PDB file of N, CA and C in Angstrom:
ATOM      1  N   MET A   1       0.843  -1.173   0.000  1.00  0.00           N
ATOM      2  CA  MET A   1       0.000   0.000   0.000  1.00  0.00           C
ATOM      3  C   MET A   1       0.885   1.231   0.000  1.00  0.00           C
ATOM      4  N   GLY A   2       0.624   2.175  -0.916  1.00  0.00           N
ATOM      5  CA  GLY A   2       1.432   3.388  -1.045  1.00  0.00           C
ATOM      6  C   GLY A   2       1.007   4.455  -0.059  1.00  0.00           C
ATOM      7  N   GLN A   3       1.653   5.586  -0.170  1.00  0.00           N
ATOM      8  CA  GLN A   3       1.320   6.714   0.670  1.00  0.00           C
ATOM      9  C   GLN A   3       0.002   7.315   0.207  1.00  0.00           C
ATOM     10  N   PRO A   4      -0.769   7.889   1.138  1.00  0.00           N
ATOM     11  CA  PRO A   4      -2.020   8.528   0.731  1.00  0.00           C
ATOM     12  C   PRO A   4      -1.722   9.758  -0.110  1.00  0.00           C
ATOM     13  N   PRO A   5      -2.678  10.163  -0.963  1.00  0.00           N
ATOM     14  CA  PRO A   5      -2.442  11.349  -1.792  1.00  0.00           C
ATOM     15  C   PRO A   5      -2.270  12.596  -0.944  1.00  0.00           C
ATOM     16  N   ARG A   6      -1.448  13.528  -1.442  1.00  0.00           N
ATOM     17  CA  ARG A   6      -1.251  14.800  -0.768  1.00  0.00           C
ATOM     18  C   ARG A   6      -2.311  15.765  -1.259  1.00  0.00           C
ATOM     19  N   PHE A   7      -2.758  16.617  -0.390  1.00  0.00           N
ATOM     20  CA  PHE A   7      -3.668  17.675  -0.794  1.00  0.00           C
ATOM     21  C   PHE A   7      -3.005  18.996  -0.506  1.00  0.00           C
ATOM     22  N   GLY A   8      -3.289  19.959  -1.323  1.00  0.00           N
ATOM     23  CA  GLY A   8      -2.670  21.268  -1.147  1.00  0.00           C
ATOM     24  C   GLY A   8      -1.611  21.485  -2.201  1.00  0.00           C
ATOM     25  N   ARG A   9      -1.279  22.704  -2.424  1.00  0.00           N
ATOM     26  CA  ARG A   9      -0.361  23.081  -3.479  1.00  0.00           C
ATOM     27  C   ARG A   9       1.083  23.018  -3.010  1.00  0.00           C
ATOM     28  N   PRO A  10       1.977  22.401  -3.784  1.00  0.00           N
ATOM     29  CA  PRO A  10       3.393  22.455  -3.439  1.00  0.00           C
ATOM     30  C   PRO A  10       3.920  23.865  -3.705  1.00  0.00           C
ATOM     31  N   PRO A  11       5.070  24.201  -3.151  1.00  0.00           N
ATOM     32  CA  PRO A  11       5.634  25.535  -3.397  1.00  0.00           C
ATOM     33  C   PRO A  11       5.799  25.794  -4.887  1.00  0.00           C
ATOM     34  N   LYS A  12       5.632  27.050  -5.290  1.00  0.00           N
ATOM     35  CA  LYS A  12       5.705  27.423  -6.707  1.00  0.00           C
ATOM     36  C   LYS A  12       7.007  26.978  -7.365  1.00  0.00           C
ATOM     37  N   ALA A  13       8.114  27.028  -6.675  1.00  0.00           N
ATOM     38  CA  ALA A  13       9.406  26.674  -7.273  1.00  0.00           C
ATOM     39  C   ALA A  13       9.384  25.252  -7.824  1.00  0.00           C
ATOM     40  N   LYS A  14       8.670  24.356  -7.186  1.00  0.00           N
ATOM     41  CA  LYS A  14       8.614  22.976  -7.645  1.00  0.00           C
ATOM     42  C   LYS A  14       7.702  22.811  -8.858  1.00  0.00           C
ATOM     43  N   ARG A  15       6.828  23.759  -9.122  1.00  0.00           N
ATOM     44  CA  ARG A  15       5.880  23.648 -10.219  1.00  0.00           C
ATOM     45  C   ARG A  15       6.310  24.475 -11.430  1.00  0.00           C
ATOM     46  N   SER A  16       7.446  25.154 -11.358  1.00  0.00           N
ATOM     47  CA  SER A  16       7.811  26.118 -12.386  1.00  0.00           C
ATOM     48  C   SER A  16       8.032  25.493 -13.763  1.00  0.00           C
ATOM     49  N   ASP A  17       8.389  24.210 -13.841  1.00  0.00           N
ATOM     50  CA  ASP A  17       8.641  23.611 -15.140  1.00  0.00           C
ATOM     51  C   ASP A  17       7.356  23.215 -15.852  1.00  0.00           C
ATOM     52  N   ILE A  18       6.252  23.206 -15.171  1.00  0.00           N
ATOM     53  CA  ILE A  18       4.971  22.853 -15.768  1.00  0.00           C
ATOM     54  C   ILE A  18       4.186  24.134 -16.001  1.00  0.00           C
ATOM     55  N   LYS A  19       3.792  24.361 -17.244  1.00  0.00           N
ATOM     56  CA  LYS A  19       3.139  25.616 -17.614  1.00  0.00           C
ATOM     57  C   LYS A  19       1.621  25.477 -17.709  1.00  0.00           C
ATOM     58  N   LEU A  20       1.031  24.593 -16.944  1.00  0.00           N
ATOM     59  CA  LEU A  20      -0.416  24.417 -16.992  1.00  0.00           C
ATOM     60  C   LEU A  20      -1.100  25.254 -15.916  1.00  0.00           C
ATOM     61  N   ARG A  21      -2.219  25.826 -16.280  1.00  0.00           N
ATOM     62  CA  ARG A  21      -3.040  26.540 -15.301  1.00  0.00           C
ATOM     63  C   ARG A  21      -3.708  25.511 -14.390  1.00  0.00           C
ATOM     64  N   PRO A  22      -3.940  25.833 -13.125  1.00  0.00           N
ATOM     65  CA  PRO A  22      -4.569  24.869 -12.214  1.00  0.00           C
ATOM     66  C   PRO A  22      -5.900  24.318 -12.731  1.00  0.00           C
ATOM     67  N   MET A  23      -6.687  25.156 -13.422  1.00  0.00           N
ATOM     68  CA  MET A  23      -7.999  24.723 -13.893  1.00  0.00           C
ATOM     69  C   MET A  23      -7.965  24.139 -15.313  1.00  0.00           C
ATOM     70  N   GLU A  24      -6.769  23.936 -15.862  1.00  0.00           N
ATOM     71  CA  GLU A  24      -6.646  23.259 -17.164  1.00  0.00           C
ATOM     72  C   GLU A  24      -7.178  21.840 -17.006  1.00  0.00           C
ATOM     73  N   ARG A  25      -8.025  21.422 -17.916  1.00  0.00           N
ATOM     74  CA  ARG A  25      -8.512  20.050 -17.871  1.00  0.00           C
ATOM     75  C   ARG A  25      -7.492  19.155 -18.549  1.00  0.00           C
ATOM     76  N   VAL A  26      -7.312  17.970 -17.987  1.00  0.00           N
ATOM     77  CA  VAL A  26      -6.373  16.997 -18.527  1.00  0.00           C
ATOM     78  C   VAL A  26      -7.036  15.625 -18.593  1.00  0.00           C
ATOM     79  N   LEU A  27      -6.526  14.799 -19.487  1.00  0.00           N
ATOM     80  CA  LEU A  27      -6.888  13.390 -19.534  1.00  0.00           C
ATOM     81  C   LEU A  27      -5.719  12.661 -18.887  1.00  0.00           C
ATOM     82  N   GLY A  28      -5.963  12.035 -17.752  1.00  0.00           N
ATOM     83  CA  GLY A  28      -4.891  11.389 -17.005  1.00  0.00           C
ATOM     84  C   GLY A  28      -5.007   9.874 -17.031  1.00  0.00           C
ATOM     85  N   LEU A  29      -3.850   9.207 -17.033  1.00  0.00           N
ATOM     86  CA  LEU A  29      -3.846   7.756 -16.995  1.00  0.00           C
ATOM     87  C   LEU A  29      -2.543   7.250 -16.396  1.00  0.00           C
ATOM     88  N   SER A  30      -2.539   5.949 -16.118  1.00  0.00           N
ATOM     89  CA  SER A  30      -1.368   5.291 -15.555  1.00  0.00           C
ATOM     90  C   SER A  30      -1.116   4.010 -16.334  1.00  0.00           C
ATOM     91  N   VAL A  31       0.138   3.802 -16.727  1.00  0.00           N
ATOM     92  CA  VAL A  31       0.534   2.575 -17.413  1.00  0.00           C
ATOM     93  C   VAL A  31       1.705   1.986 -16.634  1.00  0.00           C
ATOM     94  N   ASP A  32       1.472   0.841 -16.020  1.00  0.00           N
ATOM     95  CA  ASP A  32       2.500   0.154 -15.234  1.00  0.00           C
ATOM     96  C   ASP A  32       3.171   1.093 -14.234  1.00  0.00           C
ATOM     97  N   GLY A  33       2.371   1.914 -13.567  1.00  0.00           N
ATOM     98  CA  GLY A  33       2.881   2.796 -12.526  1.00  0.00           C
ATOM     99  C   GLY A  33       3.366   4.151 -13.010  1.00  0.00           C
ATOM    100  N   VAL A  34       3.463   4.369 -14.317  1.00  0.00           N
ATOM    101  CA  VAL A  34       3.875   5.667 -14.854  1.00  0.00           C
ATOM    102  C   VAL A  34       2.620   6.479 -15.152  1.00  0.00           C
ATOM    103  N   LYS A  35       2.508   7.645 -14.541  1.00  0.00           N
ATOM    104  CA  LYS A  35       1.352   8.525 -14.712  1.00  0.00           C
ATOM    105  C   LYS A  35       1.636   9.541 -15.809  1.00  0.00           C
ATOM    106  N   LYS A  36       0.590   9.874 -16.578  1.00  0.00           N
ATOM    107  CA  LYS A  36       0.755  10.845 -17.640  1.00  0.00           C
ATOM    108  C   LYS A  36      -0.522  11.653 -17.795  1.00  0.00           C
ATOM    109  N   ALA A  37      -0.361  12.950 -18.056  1.00  0.00           N
ATOM    110  CA  ALA A  37      -1.492  13.855 -18.239  1.00  0.00           C
ATOM    111  C   ALA A  37      -1.427  14.470 -19.630  1.00  0.00           C
ATOM    112  N   TYR A  38      -2.579  14.517 -20.287  1.00  0.00           N
ATOM    113  CA  TYR A  38      -2.708  15.112 -21.622  1.00  0.00           C
ATOM    114  C   TYR A  38      -3.605  16.335 -21.494  1.00  0.00           C
ATOM    115  N   PRO A  39      -3.035  17.545 -21.554  1.00  0.00           N
ATOM    116  CA  PRO A  39      -3.845  18.763 -21.434  1.00  0.00           C
ATOM    117  C   PRO A  39      -4.850  18.876 -22.583  1.00  0.00           C
ATOM    118  N   PHE A  40      -6.087  19.254 -22.246  1.00  0.00           N
ATOM    119  CA  PHE A  40      -7.110  19.434 -23.277  1.00  0.00           C
ATOM    120  C   PHE A  40      -6.675  20.489 -24.290  1.00  0.00           C
ATOM    121  N   SER A  41      -5.959  21.528 -23.841  1.00  0.00           N
ATOM    122  CA  SER A  41      -5.526  22.586 -24.763  1.00  0.00           C
ATOM    123  C   SER A  41      -4.615  22.026 -25.853  1.00  0.00           C
ATOM    124  N   VAL A  42      -3.853  20.993 -25.539  1.00  0.00           N
ATOM    125  CA  VAL A  42      -2.988  20.332 -26.522  1.00  0.00           C
ATOM    126  C   VAL A  42      -3.805  19.339 -27.351  1.00  0.00           C
ATOM    127  N   LEU A  43      -4.692  18.586 -26.686  1.00  0.00           N
ATOM    128  CA  LEU A  43      -5.494  17.596 -27.403  1.00  0.00           C
ATOM    129  C   LEU A  43      -6.361  18.242 -28.476  1.00  0.00           C
ATOM    130  N   LYS A  44      -6.814  19.454 -28.234  1.00  0.00           N
ATOM    131  CA  LYS A  44      -7.658  20.155 -29.210  1.00  0.00           C
ATOM    132  C   LYS A  44      -6.902  20.462 -30.508  1.00  0.00           C
ATOM    133  N   LYS A  45      -5.565  20.500 -30.449  1.00  0.00           N
ATOM    134  CA  LYS A  45      -4.738  20.804 -31.620  1.00  0.00           C
ATOM    135  C   LYS A  45      -4.270  19.545 -32.356  1.00  0.00           C
ATOM    136  N   LYS A  46      -4.433  18.409 -31.724  1.00  0.00           N
ATOM    137  CA  LYS A  46      -3.954  17.145 -32.288  1.00  0.00           C
ATOM    138  C   LYS A  46      -5.052  16.492 -33.126  1.00  0.00           C
ATOM    139  N   PRO A  47      -4.686  15.480 -33.940  1.00  0.00           N
ATOM    140  CA  PRO A  47      -5.733  14.690 -34.597  1.00  0.00           C
ATOM    141  C   PRO A  47      -6.609  14.037 -33.530  1.00  0.00           C
ATOM    142  N   GLU A  48      -7.823  13.677 -33.888  1.00  0.00           N
ATOM    143  CA  GLU A  48      -8.733  13.089 -32.896  1.00  0.00           C
ATOM    144  C   GLU A  48      -8.261  11.720 -32.419  1.00  0.00           C
ATOM    145  N   ARG A  49      -7.309  11.138 -33.108  1.00  0.00           N
ATOM    146  CA  ARG A  49      -6.720   9.856 -32.695  1.00  0.00           C
ATOM    147  C   ARG A  49      -5.235   9.931 -33.018  1.00  0.00           C
ATOM    148  N   PHE A  50      -4.389   9.696 -32.007  1.00  0.00           N
ATOM    149  CA  PHE A  50      -2.942   9.690 -32.240  1.00  0.00           C
ATOM    150  C   PHE A  50      -2.271   8.745 -31.254  1.00  0.00           C
ATOM    151  N   GLU A  51      -1.059   8.352 -31.586  1.00  0.00           N
ATOM    152  CA  GLU A  51      -0.311   7.401 -30.767  1.00  0.00           C
ATOM    153  C   GLU A  51       0.698   8.120 -29.887  1.00  0.00           C
ATOM    154  N   ASP A  52       0.978   7.489 -28.757  1.00  0.00           N
ATOM    155  CA  ASP A  52       2.015   7.966 -27.847  1.00  0.00           C
ATOM    156  C   ASP A  52       2.604   6.735 -27.167  1.00  0.00           C
ATOM    157  N   ARG A  53       3.661   6.944 -26.413  1.00  0.00           N
ATOM    158  CA  ARG A  53       4.269   5.860 -25.635  1.00  0.00           C
ATOM    159  C   ARG A  53       4.324   6.272 -24.174  1.00  0.00           C
ATOM    160  N   ILE A  54       3.950   5.341 -23.340  1.00  0.00           N
ATOM    161  CA  ILE A  54       4.052   5.538 -21.897  1.00  0.00           C
ATOM    162  C   ILE A  54       4.781   4.325 -21.347  1.00  0.00           C
ATOM    163  N   ASN A  55       5.881   4.582 -20.665  1.00  0.00           N
ATOM    164  CA  ASN A  55       6.672   3.502 -20.082  1.00  0.00           C
ATOM    165  C   ASN A  55       7.019   2.447 -21.144  1.00  0.00           C
ATOM    166  N   GLY A  56       7.295   2.896 -22.378  1.00  0.00           N
ATOM    167  CA  GLY A  56       7.676   1.995 -23.456  1.00  0.00           C
ATOM    168  C   GLY A  56       6.523   1.298 -24.151  1.00  0.00           C
ATOM    169  N   LYS A  57       5.294   1.531 -23.711  1.00  0.00           N
ATOM    170  CA  LYS A  57       4.139   0.869 -24.322  1.00  0.00           C
ATOM    171  C   LYS A  57       3.360   1.848 -25.184  1.00  0.00           C
ATOM    172  N   LYS A  58       2.939   1.364 -26.360  1.00  0.00           N
ATOM    173  CA  LYS A  58       2.165   2.212 -27.258  1.00  0.00           C
ATOM    174  C   LYS A  58       0.733   2.340 -26.748  1.00  0.00           C
ATOM    175  N   VAL A  59       0.241   3.579 -26.733  1.00  0.00           N
ATOM    176  CA  VAL A  59      -1.147   3.859 -26.389  1.00  0.00           C
ATOM    177  C   VAL A  59      -1.733   4.727 -27.497  1.00  0.00           C
ATOM    178  N   ILE A  60      -3.038   4.633 -27.665  1.00  0.00           N
ATOM    179  CA  ILE A  60      -3.733   5.462 -28.642  1.00  0.00           C
ATOM    180  C   ILE A  60      -4.680   6.382 -27.871  1.00  0.00           C
ATOM    181  N   ILE A  61      -4.495   7.683 -28.073  1.00  0.00           N
ATOM    182  CA  ILE A  61      -5.321   8.690 -27.419  1.00  0.00           C
ATOM    183  C   ILE A  61      -6.448   9.033 -28.382  1.00  0.00           C
ATOM    184  N   HIS A  62      -7.682   8.981 -27.895  1.00  0.00           N
ATOM    185  CA  HIS A  62      -8.864   9.327 -28.681  1.00  0.00           C
ATOM    186  C   HIS A  62      -9.479  10.555 -28.007  1.00  0.00           C
ATOM    187  N   PHE A  63      -9.699  11.616 -28.779  1.00  0.00           N
ATOM    188  CA  PHE A  63     -10.256  12.839 -28.194  1.00  0.00           C
ATOM    189  C   PHE A  63     -11.274  13.428 -29.151  1.00  0.00           C
ATOM    190  N   ASP A  64     -12.504  13.571 -28.672  1.00  0.00           N
ATOM    191  CA  ASP A  64     -13.567  14.180 -29.455  1.00  0.00           C
ATOM    192  C   ASP A  64     -13.570  15.674 -29.153  1.00  0.00           C
ATOM    193  N   LYS A  65     -13.176  16.473 -30.135  1.00  0.00           N
ATOM    194  CA  LYS A  65     -13.039  17.917 -29.928  1.00  0.00           C
ATOM    195  C   LYS A  65     -14.381  18.600 -29.685  1.00  0.00           C
ATOM    196  N   LYS A  66     -15.416  18.099 -30.312  1.00  0.00           N
ATOM    197  CA  LYS A  66     -16.732  18.729 -30.167  1.00  0.00           C
ATOM    198  C   LYS A  66     -17.277  18.552 -28.748  1.00  0.00           C
ATOM    199  N   SER A  67     -17.226  17.336 -28.232  1.00  0.00           N
ATOM    200  CA  SER A  67     -17.763  17.077 -26.888  1.00  0.00           C
ATOM    201  C   SER A  67     -16.701  17.225 -25.794  1.00  0.00           C
ATOM    202  N   GLU A  68     -15.435  17.416 -26.208  1.00  0.00           N
ATOM    203  CA  GLU A  68     -14.313  17.503 -25.273  1.00  0.00           C
ATOM    204  C   GLU A  68     -14.290  16.327 -24.301  1.00  0.00           C
ATOM    205  N   THR A  69     -14.324  15.136 -24.892  1.00  0.00           N
ATOM    206  CA  THR A  69     -14.207  13.907 -24.119  1.00  0.00           C
ATOM    207  C   THR A  69     -13.117  13.048 -24.748  1.00  0.00           C
ATOM    208  N   GLY A  70     -12.512  12.195 -23.945  1.00  0.00           N
ATOM    209  CA  GLY A  70     -11.451  11.358 -24.462  1.00  0.00           C
ATOM    210  C   GLY A  70     -11.363  10.028 -23.759  1.00  0.00           C
ATOM    211  N   TYR A  71     -10.649   9.127 -24.394  1.00  0.00           N
ATOM    212  CA  TYR A  71     -10.361   7.838 -23.789  1.00  0.00           C
ATOM    213  C   TYR A  71      -9.069   7.318 -24.405  1.00  0.00           C
ATOM    214  N   VAL A  72      -8.534   6.244 -23.825  1.00  0.00           N
ATOM    215  CA  VAL A  72      -7.245   5.706 -24.252  1.00  0.00           C
ATOM    216  C   VAL A  72      -7.383   4.206 -24.455  1.00  0.00           C
ATOM    217  N   THR A  73      -6.748   3.706 -25.523  1.00  0.00           N
ATOM    218  CA  THR A  73      -6.719   2.272 -25.775  1.00  0.00           C
ATOM    219  C   THR A  73      -5.276   1.824 -25.973  1.00  0.00           C
ATOM    220  N   ASP A  74      -5.064   0.509 -25.855  1.00  0.00           N
ATOM    221  CA  ASP A  74      -3.757  -0.031 -26.209  1.00  0.00           C
ATOM    222  C   ASP A  74      -3.777  -0.355 -27.702  1.00  0.00           C
ATOM    223  N   GLU A  75      -2.699  -0.903 -28.219  1.00  0.00           N
ATOM    224  CA  GLU A  75      -2.629  -1.127 -29.665  1.00  0.00           C
ATOM    225  C   GLU A  75      -3.593  -2.205 -30.150  1.00  0.00           C
ATOM    226  N   ARG A  76      -4.143  -3.014 -29.248  1.00  0.00           N
ATOM    227  CA  ARG A  76      -5.145  -4.016 -29.636  1.00  0.00           C
ATOM    228  C   ARG A  76      -6.567  -3.465 -29.569  1.00  0.00           C
ATOM    229  N   GLY A  77      -6.703  -2.220 -29.081  1.00  0.00           N
ATOM    230  CA  GLY A  77      -8.029  -1.614 -28.973  1.00  0.00           C
ATOM    231  C   GLY A  77      -8.680  -1.777 -27.612  1.00  0.00           C
ATOM    232  N   SER A  78      -7.977  -2.399 -26.651  1.00  0.00           N
ATOM    233  CA  SER A  78      -8.529  -2.558 -25.310  1.00  0.00           C
ATOM    234  C   SER A  78      -8.439  -1.232 -24.553  1.00  0.00           C
ATOM    235  N   LEU A  79      -9.489  -0.908 -23.831  1.00  0.00           N
ATOM    236  CA  LEU A  79      -9.501   0.336 -23.062  1.00  0.00           C
ATOM    237  C   LEU A  79      -8.462   0.326 -21.956  1.00  0.00           C
ATOM    238  N   ILE A  80      -7.803   1.458 -21.779  1.00  0.00           N
ATOM    239  CA  ILE A  80      -6.908   1.685 -20.649  1.00  0.00           C
ATOM    240  C   ILE A  80      -7.628   2.697 -19.767  1.00  0.00           C
ATOM    241  N   PRO A  81      -7.826   2.387 -18.489  1.00  0.00           N
ATOM    242  CA  PRO A  81      -8.547   3.326 -17.627  1.00  0.00           C
ATOM    243  C   PRO A  81      -7.901   4.717 -17.644  1.00  0.00           C
ATOM    244  N   SER A  82      -8.739   5.730 -17.800  1.00  0.00           N
ATOM    245  CA  SER A  82      -8.282   7.117 -17.808  1.00  0.00           C
ATOM    246  C   SER A  82      -9.373   7.973 -17.177  1.00  0.00           C
ATOM    247  N   ILE A  83      -9.020   9.211 -16.868  1.00  0.00           N
ATOM    248  CA  ILE A  83      -9.969  10.115 -16.235  1.00  0.00           C
ATOM    249  C   ILE A  83      -9.717  11.538 -16.715  1.00  0.00           C
ATOM    250  N   ALA A  84     -10.790  12.282 -16.904  1.00  0.00           N
ATOM    251  CA  ALA A  84     -10.677  13.700 -17.255  1.00  0.00           C
ATOM    252  C   ALA A  84     -10.959  14.507 -15.992  1.00  0.00           C
ATOM    253  N   LEU A  85     -10.028  15.394 -15.651  1.00  0.00           N
ATOM    254  CA  LEU A  85     -10.177  16.231 -14.466  1.00  0.00           C
ATOM    255  C   LEU A  85      -9.274  17.443 -14.579  1.00  0.00           C
ATOM    256  N   PHE A  86      -9.314  18.299 -13.584  1.00  0.00           N
ATOM    257  CA  PHE A  86      -8.494  19.506 -13.596  1.00  0.00           C
ATOM    258  C   PHE A  86      -7.053  19.173 -13.222  1.00  0.00           C
ATOM    259  N   TRP A  87      -6.112  19.931 -13.805  1.00  0.00           N
ATOM    260  CA  TRP A  87      -4.691  19.725 -13.558  1.00  0.00           C
ATOM    261  C   TRP A  87      -4.356  19.774 -12.074  1.00  0.00           C
ATOM    262  N   PHE A  88      -4.914  20.747 -11.331  1.00  0.00           N
ATOM    263  CA  PHE A  88      -4.555  20.851  -9.914  1.00  0.00           C
ATOM    264  C   PHE A  88      -4.899  19.571  -9.165  1.00  0.00           C
ATOM    265  N   ALA A  89      -6.005  18.929  -9.511  1.00  0.00           N
ATOM    266  CA  ALA A  89      -6.396  17.693  -8.824  1.00  0.00           C
ATOM    267  C   ALA A  89      -5.483  16.541  -9.233  1.00  0.00           C
ATOM    268  N   TRP A  90      -5.234  16.395 -10.537  1.00  0.00           N
ATOM    269  CA  TRP A  90      -4.363  15.313 -11.005  1.00  0.00           C
ATOM    270  C   TRP A  90      -2.969  15.452 -10.393  1.00  0.00           C
ATOM    271  N   SER A  91      -2.414  16.674 -10.448  1.00  0.00           N
ATOM    272  CA  SER A  91      -1.039  16.858  -9.973  1.00  0.00           C
ATOM    273  C   SER A  91      -0.927  16.723  -8.454  1.00  0.00           C
ATOM    274  N   ASP A  92      -2.010  16.994  -7.717  1.00  0.00           N
ATOM    275  CA  ASP A  92      -1.973  16.761  -6.274  1.00  0.00           C
ATOM    276  C   ASP A  92      -1.897  15.264  -5.971  1.00  0.00           C
ATOM    277  N   PHE A  93      -2.641  14.462  -6.724  1.00  0.00           N
ATOM    278  CA  PHE A  93      -2.602  13.014  -6.511  1.00  0.00           C
ATOM    279  C   PHE A  93      -1.320  12.398  -7.065  1.00  0.00           C
ATOM    280  N   TYR A  94      -0.849  12.908  -8.196  1.00  0.00           N
ATOM    281  CA  TYR A  94       0.308  12.325  -8.884  1.00  0.00           C
ATOM    282  C   TYR A  94       1.339  13.400  -9.196  1.00  0.00           C
ATOM    283  N   PRO A  95       2.094  13.844  -8.194  1.00  0.00           N
ATOM    284  CA  PRO A  95       3.049  14.947  -8.407  1.00  0.00           C
ATOM    285  C   PRO A  95       4.185  14.598  -9.362  1.00  0.00           C
ATOM    286  N   GLU A  96       4.492  13.342  -9.567  1.00  0.00           N
ATOM    287  CA  GLU A  96       5.589  12.956 -10.457  1.00  0.00           C
ATOM    288  C   GLU A  96       5.073  12.567 -11.838  1.00  0.00           C
ATOM    289  N   THR A  97       3.963  13.126 -12.227  1.00  0.00           N
ATOM    290  CA  THR A  97       3.362  12.780 -13.514  1.00  0.00           C
ATOM    291  C   THR A  97       4.157  13.334 -14.689  1.00  0.00           C
ATOM    292  N   GLU A  98       4.050  12.665 -15.819  1.00  0.00           N
ATOM    293  CA  GLU A  98       4.576  13.195 -17.071  1.00  0.00           C
ATOM    294  C   GLU A  98       3.461  14.007 -17.699  1.00  0.00           C
ATOM    295  N   VAL A  99       3.821  15.064 -18.421  1.00  0.00           N
ATOM    296  CA  VAL A  99       2.840  15.893 -19.101  1.00  0.00           C
ATOM    297  C   VAL A  99       3.130  15.851 -20.590  1.00  0.00           C
ATOM    298  N   TYR A 100       2.129  15.478 -21.361  1.00  0.00           N
ATOM    299  CA  TYR A 100       2.306  15.420 -22.813  1.00  0.00           C
ATOM    300  C   TYR A 100       2.429  16.831 -23.352  1.00  0.00           C
ATOM    301  N   ASP A 101       3.424  17.027 -24.197  1.00  0.00           N
ATOM    302  CA  ASP A 101       3.677  18.327 -24.792  1.00  0.00           C
ATOM    303  C   ASP A 101       3.908  18.088 -26.274  1.00  0.00           C
ATOM    304  N   GLU A 102       3.055  18.665 -27.120  1.00  0.00           N
ATOM    305  CA  GLU A 102       3.166  18.403 -28.559  1.00  0.00           C
ATOM    306  C   GLU A 102       4.487  18.857 -29.154  1.00  0.00           C
ATOM    307  N   GLU A 103       5.155  19.831 -28.520  1.00  0.00           N
ATOM    308  CA  GLU A 103       6.427  20.297 -29.054  1.00  0.00           C
ATOM    309  C   GLU A 103       7.605  19.466 -28.578  1.00  0.00           C
ATOM    310  N   GLN A 104       7.416  18.707 -27.532  1.00  0.00           N
ATOM    311  CA  GLN A 104       8.494  17.874 -26.998  1.00  0.00           C
ATOM    312  C   GLN A 104       7.981  16.462 -26.802  1.00  0.00           C
ATOM    313  N   PRO A 105       8.111  15.594 -27.803  1.00  0.00           N
ATOM    314  CA  PRO A 105       7.645  14.226 -27.638  1.00  0.00           C
ATOM    315  C   PRO A 105       8.288  13.534 -26.449  1.00  0.00           C
ATOM    316  N   GLN A 106       9.539  13.903 -26.110  1.00  0.00           N
ATOM    317  CA  GLN A 106      10.150  13.355 -24.911  1.00  0.00           C
ATOM    318  C   GLN A 106       9.519  14.087 -23.728  1.00  0.00           C
ATOM    319  N   GLN A 107       8.845  13.390 -22.887  1.00  0.00           N
ATOM    320  CA  GLN A 107       7.999  13.990 -21.870  1.00  0.00           C
ATOM    321  C   GLN A 107       8.796  14.686 -20.766  1.00  0.00           C
ATOM    322  N   ARG A 108       8.176  15.700 -20.203  1.00  0.00           N
ATOM    323  CA  ARG A 108       8.775  16.376 -19.046  1.00  0.00           C
ATOM    324  C   ARG A 108       8.024  15.927 -17.800  1.00  0.00           C
ATOM    325  N   ARG A 109       8.667  15.946 -16.704  1.00  0.00           N
ATOM    326  CA  ARG A 109       8.070  15.507 -15.435  1.00  0.00           C
ATOM    327  C   ARG A 109       7.472  16.681 -14.688  1.00  0.00           C
ATOM    328  N   GLY A 110       6.399  16.394 -13.974  1.00  0.00           N
ATOM    329  CA  GLY A 110       5.787  17.405 -13.112  1.00  0.00           C
ATOM    330  C   GLY A 110       6.589  17.537 -11.848  1.00  0.00           C
ATOM    331  N   HIS A 111       6.357  18.578 -11.113  1.00  0.00           N
ATOM    332  CA  HIS A 111       6.987  18.917  -9.814  1.00  0.00           C
ATOM    333  C   HIS A 111       8.440  18.551  -9.846  1.00  0.00           C
TER     334      HIS A 111
END
């Protein structure tokens, strides 16, 4: 059993590398213990279906721009559990999350 989630904002210095607003909506998921967040602001600019890698595994991100909903599948089409929520909530639960950035395919870490 891991540590319980932290609540509250970490000091600004630890968040300076992440340029997301607290109320930015993200699609968050975990693959073999690696957490990753996909900001809606980035997903809106991407094709409605695109591939990414998390912890060396290929995932397919599906995002409906009109309804602003998304889900994730593996390469066989099986659903990978994901959740849409605000960045501040995701990052409080998972401070070491990776954040998808369309300009940097190599992911950057949160906090």
